[in-house]
N, C-alpha and C. Protein backbone atom coordinates (compact mmCIF):
# COMPACT_ATOMS: atom_id res chain seq x y z
N MET A 1 -81.53 -46.35 0.20
CA MET A 1 -81.72 -46.18 1.20
C MET A 1 -82.71 -44.60 1.39
N LEU A 2 -83.09 -43.77 2.36
CA LEU A 2 -84.01 -42.69 2.05
C LEU A 2 -83.30 -41.70 2.32
N LYS A 3 -83.38 -41.00 1.71
CA LYS A 3 -83.31 -39.31 1.46
C LYS A 3 -83.48 -38.41 1.91
N GLU A 4 -83.26 -37.06 2.51
CA GLU A 4 -83.33 -36.23 3.40
C GLU A 4 -84.28 -35.42 2.77
N SER A 5 -85.41 -34.37 2.56
CA SER A 5 -86.44 -33.69 2.00
C SER A 5 -85.48 -32.58 1.00
N LYS A 6 -84.46 -32.39 1.65
CA LYS A 6 -83.72 -31.33 1.24
C LYS A 6 -82.97 -31.65 0.04
N ASP A 7 -82.44 -33.17 0.05
CA ASP A 7 -81.79 -33.93 -0.94
C ASP A 7 -82.56 -33.98 -2.37
N ILE A 8 -84.01 -34.54 -1.47
CA ILE A 8 -85.08 -34.56 -3.01
C ILE A 8 -85.33 -33.59 -3.27
N LEU A 9 -85.16 -32.31 -2.67
CA LEU A 9 -86.05 -31.13 -3.66
C LEU A 9 -84.56 -30.82 -4.07
N ALA A 10 -83.13 -31.02 -3.53
CA ALA A 10 -82.04 -30.42 -5.02
C ALA A 10 -82.28 -31.67 -6.55
N ILE A 11 -82.59 -32.80 -5.85
CA ILE A 11 -82.86 -33.25 -7.15
C ILE A 11 -84.16 -32.28 -7.76
N ASN A 12 -84.40 -32.37 -7.16
CA ASN A 12 -86.40 -31.95 -7.71
C ASN A 12 -86.54 -31.18 -9.04
N LEU A 13 -85.17 -29.84 -7.76
CA LEU A 13 -85.92 -28.94 -8.78
C LEU A 13 -84.05 -28.55 -9.72
N LYS A 14 -83.40 -29.16 -10.04
CA LYS A 14 -82.49 -29.50 -10.80
C LYS A 14 -82.83 -30.39 -11.93
N TYR A 15 -83.90 -30.98 -11.51
CA TYR A 15 -84.90 -31.86 -12.88
C TYR A 15 -86.17 -31.14 -13.31
N PHE A 16 -86.39 -29.52 -13.02
CA PHE A 16 -86.67 -28.98 -13.23
C PHE A 16 -86.72 -27.81 -13.93
N ARG A 17 -85.67 -27.49 -13.46
CA ARG A 17 -84.53 -26.56 -14.18
C ARG A 17 -84.28 -26.88 -15.83
N TYR A 18 -83.86 -28.47 -15.91
CA TYR A 18 -83.22 -29.24 -17.03
C TYR A 18 -84.58 -29.31 -18.04
N LYS A 19 -85.85 -29.63 -17.13
CA LYS A 19 -86.77 -29.89 -18.23
C LYS A 19 -87.24 -28.38 -18.87
N SER A 20 -86.96 -27.39 -18.01
CA SER A 20 -87.54 -26.21 -19.00
C SER A 20 -85.94 -25.32 -19.46
N HIS A 21 -84.63 -26.47 -19.62
CA HIS A 21 -83.92 -25.79 -20.40
C HIS A 21 -83.44 -24.19 -20.01
N LEU A 22 -83.25 -23.63 -18.67
CA LEU A 22 -83.23 -23.24 -18.40
C LEU A 22 -81.12 -23.27 -17.82
N SER A 23 -80.43 -21.60 -17.66
CA SER A 23 -79.51 -21.79 -16.86
C SER A 23 -79.59 -21.34 -15.47
N GLN A 24 -78.60 -22.31 -14.19
CA GLN A 24 -78.86 -21.97 -13.35
C GLN A 24 -80.29 -20.69 -13.22
N GLU A 25 -79.04 -19.41 -13.55
CA GLU A 25 -79.16 -18.14 -13.29
C GLU A 25 -80.38 -17.52 -13.57
N LYS A 26 -80.63 -18.40 -14.67
CA LYS A 26 -82.16 -17.69 -14.98
C LYS A 26 -83.86 -18.02 -14.37
N PHE A 27 -83.31 -19.12 -14.88
CA PHE A 27 -84.52 -20.01 -13.62
C PHE A 27 -84.10 -19.84 -12.32
N ALA A 28 -83.61 -19.15 -11.52
CA ALA A 28 -83.55 -18.74 -10.20
C ALA A 28 -84.67 -17.46 -10.48
N GLU A 29 -83.83 -16.35 -11.13
CA GLU A 29 -84.79 -15.47 -11.96
C GLU A 29 -86.59 -15.46 -11.72
N ILE A 30 -86.58 -16.41 -12.60
CA ILE A 30 -88.38 -16.76 -12.75
C ILE A 30 -88.53 -17.74 -12.16
N ILE A 31 -88.20 -18.41 -10.78
CA ILE A 31 -88.63 -18.49 -9.46
C ILE A 31 -88.85 -17.96 -8.46
N LYS A 32 -88.38 -16.98 -9.07
CA LYS A 32 -87.98 -15.59 -7.77
C LYS A 32 -87.33 -15.98 -6.82
N THR A 33 -86.37 -16.61 -6.89
CA THR A 33 -84.56 -16.20 -6.01
C THR A 33 -83.57 -15.31 -6.43
N ASN A 34 -82.49 -15.77 -5.97
CA ASN A 34 -81.78 -15.62 -6.33
C ASN A 34 -80.63 -16.51 -6.88
N LEU A 35 -79.85 -16.23 -7.64
CA LEU A 35 -78.52 -17.72 -8.09
C LEU A 35 -77.29 -18.14 -6.88
N VAL A 36 -77.49 -17.42 -5.67
CA VAL A 36 -76.89 -18.25 -4.87
C VAL A 36 -77.92 -19.07 -3.91
N TYR A 37 -79.27 -18.23 -3.52
CA TYR A 37 -79.93 -19.38 -3.36
C TYR A 37 -79.71 -20.35 -3.81
N GLU A 38 -80.27 -20.43 -4.92
CA GLU A 38 -80.80 -21.84 -5.57
C GLU A 38 -79.92 -22.67 -5.68
N ASN A 39 -78.42 -21.98 -6.63
CA ASN A 39 -77.45 -22.64 -6.42
C ASN A 39 -77.11 -23.63 -4.96
N GLN A 40 -77.42 -23.14 -3.73
CA GLN A 40 -76.89 -23.47 -2.70
C GLN A 40 -78.25 -24.82 -2.26
N ILE A 41 -79.24 -24.68 -2.92
CA ILE A 41 -80.35 -25.06 -2.27
C ILE A 41 -80.79 -26.53 -3.39
N GLU A 42 -79.56 -26.55 -4.48
CA GLU A 42 -79.98 -27.38 -5.50
C GLU A 42 -78.20 -28.59 -5.25
N LYS A 43 -77.47 -27.54 -4.36
CA LYS A 43 -76.58 -28.74 -3.85
C LYS A 43 -77.06 -29.46 -2.17
N GLY A 44 -78.05 -29.31 -2.15
CA GLY A 44 -78.53 -29.46 -1.03
C GLY A 44 -78.12 -28.58 0.68
N ARG A 45 -77.67 -27.57 0.35
CA ARG A 45 -77.32 -26.48 1.45
C ARG A 45 -77.65 -26.18 2.15
N ARG A 46 -79.00 -25.65 1.46
CA ARG A 46 -79.96 -24.46 1.92
C ARG A 46 -82.15 -25.38 1.94
N ASN A 47 -81.98 -25.03 3.38
CA ASN A 47 -83.51 -25.69 3.78
C ASN A 47 -84.80 -24.62 3.56
N PRO A 48 -85.30 -24.09 2.76
CA PRO A 48 -86.23 -23.00 2.12
C PRO A 48 -86.88 -23.06 3.58
N SER A 49 -87.56 -22.18 3.55
CA SER A 49 -88.79 -22.25 4.27
C SER A 49 -90.15 -23.01 3.31
N LEU A 50 -90.94 -23.13 4.44
CA LEU A 50 -92.95 -23.97 3.52
C LEU A 50 -93.70 -23.01 2.83
N LYS A 51 -92.78 -21.44 2.90
CA LYS A 51 -93.89 -20.67 2.47
C LYS A 51 -92.88 -19.79 1.37
N MET A 52 -91.48 -20.63 1.20
CA MET A 52 -90.49 -20.57 0.06
C MET A 52 -90.70 -21.53 -0.47
N LEU A 53 -91.29 -22.90 -0.46
CA LEU A 53 -91.18 -23.86 -1.59
C LEU A 53 -92.62 -23.61 -2.32
N ASP A 54 -93.44 -23.56 -1.65
CA ASP A 54 -94.29 -23.37 -1.84
C ASP A 54 -94.51 -21.83 -3.28
N LYS A 55 -94.04 -21.32 -2.82
CA LYS A 55 -93.51 -20.05 -4.06
C LYS A 55 -93.07 -20.35 -5.25
N MET A 56 -92.11 -20.88 -4.68
CA MET A 56 -90.84 -21.77 -5.72
C MET A 56 -91.89 -22.65 -7.08
N ALA A 57 -92.96 -23.83 -6.08
CA ALA A 57 -94.08 -24.19 -6.73
C ALA A 57 -94.90 -23.58 -7.55
N ASN A 58 -95.30 -22.91 -7.14
CA ASN A 58 -96.51 -21.73 -7.95
C ASN A 58 -95.43 -21.32 -9.32
N ASN A 59 -94.50 -20.88 -8.38
CA ASN A 59 -93.75 -20.39 -9.70
C ASN A 59 -92.63 -21.16 -11.29
N ILE A 60 -92.76 -22.15 -10.90
CA ILE A 60 -92.62 -23.73 -10.88
C ILE A 60 -93.23 -24.15 -12.26
N SER A 61 -94.93 -24.33 -11.71
CA SER A 61 -96.02 -24.48 -12.50
C SER A 61 -96.74 -23.59 -13.49
N ILE A 62 -96.04 -22.07 -13.30
CA ILE A 62 -96.40 -21.16 -14.36
C ILE A 62 -95.36 -21.71 -15.68
N LEU A 63 -94.07 -22.13 -15.17
CA LEU A 63 -92.93 -21.76 -16.40
C LEU A 63 -93.00 -22.63 -17.05
N LEU A 64 -93.43 -24.22 -16.07
CA LEU A 64 -93.83 -25.47 -16.96
C LEU A 64 -95.67 -25.75 -17.36
N ASN A 65 -96.46 -24.55 -17.07
CA ASN A 65 -97.72 -25.25 -17.69
C ASN A 65 -98.23 -25.97 -17.03
N LYS A 66 -97.52 -26.44 -16.14
CA LYS A 66 -98.14 -27.88 -14.86
C LYS A 66 -98.63 -27.48 -13.48
N GLU A 67 -99.59 -28.18 -12.91
CA GLU A 67 -99.56 -28.43 -11.46
C GLU A 67 -98.29 -28.54 -10.50
N ILE A 68 -97.87 -28.27 -9.82
CA ILE A 68 -96.78 -28.49 -9.16
C ILE A 68 -96.53 -28.06 -8.21
N THR A 69 -97.10 -28.68 -7.02
CA THR A 69 -96.75 -28.44 -4.87
C THR A 69 -95.39 -28.22 -5.03
N GLY A 70 -95.69 -27.33 -3.23
CA GLY A 70 -94.62 -27.77 -2.62
C GLY A 70 -94.74 -29.57 -2.04
N ALA A 71 -95.24 -29.57 -1.99
CA ALA A 71 -94.86 -31.42 -1.43
C ALA A 71 -94.65 -32.30 -2.91
N ASP A 72 -94.69 -32.29 -3.82
CA ASP A 72 -94.39 -32.33 -5.93
C ASP A 72 -92.56 -32.08 -5.79
N LEU A 73 -92.43 -30.65 -4.82
CA LEU A 73 -90.28 -30.83 -4.86
C LEU A 73 -90.30 -31.30 -3.99
N ILE A 74 -90.64 -31.97 -2.71
CA ILE A 74 -89.90 -33.18 -1.88
C ILE A 74 -90.68 -34.51 -1.98
N THR A 75 -91.21 -34.72 -2.90
CA THR A 75 -91.32 -35.97 -2.83
C THR A 75 -89.84 -36.87 -4.12
N TYR A 76 -89.85 -38.22 -3.91
CA TYR A 76 -88.50 -38.43 -4.50
C TYR A 76 -89.23 -39.42 -5.22
N ASP A 77 -88.37 -39.42 -6.81
CA ASP A 77 -88.77 -40.06 -8.51
C ASP A 77 -87.88 -40.23 -8.93
N LYS A 78 -87.08 -41.62 -8.96
CA LYS A 78 -86.16 -41.66 -9.12
C LYS A 78 -85.77 -41.64 -10.43
N ASN A 79 -86.70 -41.14 -11.15
CA ASN A 79 -86.94 -41.25 -12.51
C ASN A 79 -86.21 -39.31 -12.92
N LYS A 80 -86.43 -38.74 -11.80
CA LYS A 80 -86.45 -37.27 -11.80
C LYS A 80 -84.55 -37.22 -11.41
N VAL A 81 -83.44 -37.72 -11.66
CA VAL A 81 -82.36 -37.50 -11.50
C VAL A 81 -81.92 -37.55 -12.43
N ILE A 82 -81.54 -36.17 -12.42
CA ILE A 82 -80.19 -35.44 -13.40
C ILE A 82 -78.95 -36.04 -13.22
N THR A 83 -77.72 -36.54 -13.88
CA THR A 83 -76.49 -36.48 -13.89
C THR A 83 -75.78 -35.49 -15.05
N ALA A 84 -76.53 -35.27 -15.83
CA ALA A 84 -75.09 -34.59 -16.19
C ALA A 84 -75.32 -33.04 -15.91
N LYS A 85 -73.66 -32.48 -15.96
CA LYS A 85 -73.59 -31.27 -15.00
C LYS A 85 -73.76 -30.03 -16.03
N ARG A 86 -73.94 -30.31 -17.08
CA ARG A 86 -74.38 -28.62 -18.01
C ARG A 86 -75.79 -29.63 -18.56
N ILE A 87 -76.78 -28.27 -18.90
CA ILE A 87 -78.02 -28.37 -19.95
C ILE A 87 -78.04 -29.56 -21.35
N ASP A 88 -76.34 -28.34 -21.79
CA ASP A 88 -75.91 -28.96 -23.56
C ASP A 88 -75.88 -30.23 -22.80
N GLU A 89 -75.00 -30.96 -22.25
CA GLU A 89 -75.09 -32.84 -22.36
C GLU A 89 -76.33 -33.17 -21.42
N LYS A 90 -77.03 -32.78 -21.54
CA LYS A 90 -78.17 -33.25 -21.39
C LYS A 90 -78.83 -33.71 -22.66
N LYS A 91 -79.28 -32.21 -23.49
CA LYS A 91 -79.41 -32.43 -24.23
C LYS A 91 -78.71 -33.17 -25.35
N HIS A 92 -77.54 -33.28 -25.53
CA HIS A 92 -76.11 -34.09 -25.84
C HIS A 92 -76.45 -35.53 -26.04
N ARG A 93 -76.89 -35.69 -25.16
CA ARG A 93 -77.46 -37.44 -24.19
C ARG A 93 -78.82 -37.87 -24.95
N SER A 94 -79.54 -37.12 -24.70
CA SER A 94 -81.01 -37.41 -25.44
C SER A 94 -80.67 -37.32 -27.14
N ASN A 95 -79.69 -36.79 -27.46
CA ASN A 95 -79.76 -36.71 -29.27
C ASN A 95 -79.10 -38.30 -29.24
N ASN A 96 -78.38 -38.73 -28.85
CA ASN A 96 -77.44 -39.71 -28.94
C ASN A 96 -78.67 -41.15 -27.99
N LEU A 97 -79.82 -41.20 -27.60
CA LEU A 97 -80.08 -41.83 -27.14
C LEU A 97 -80.82 -41.90 -28.66
N LYS A 98 -81.11 -41.54 -29.56
CA LYS A 98 -82.50 -41.25 -30.76
C LYS A 98 -82.05 -42.41 -31.36
């Protein structure tokens, strides 16, 4: 099933947030958005402009010390799907898999 760009963006932002081990609030602060906007994007309720997409990608690149582009944020990768509701759940599940 094809996903819309906003759904893919939501998946990828959540993935990068979990990868950075940050709360939604702290992640939003670092990528230069606000908590409400970040939450709405992660739920697929907001469509950021291309300029905002590039801004978020640039700030995620700085955060993770890895080149991330606006195109990366809207490219689907099934390995980036996060099912945990909280960061600590993801850590807990990862520890149980080792």
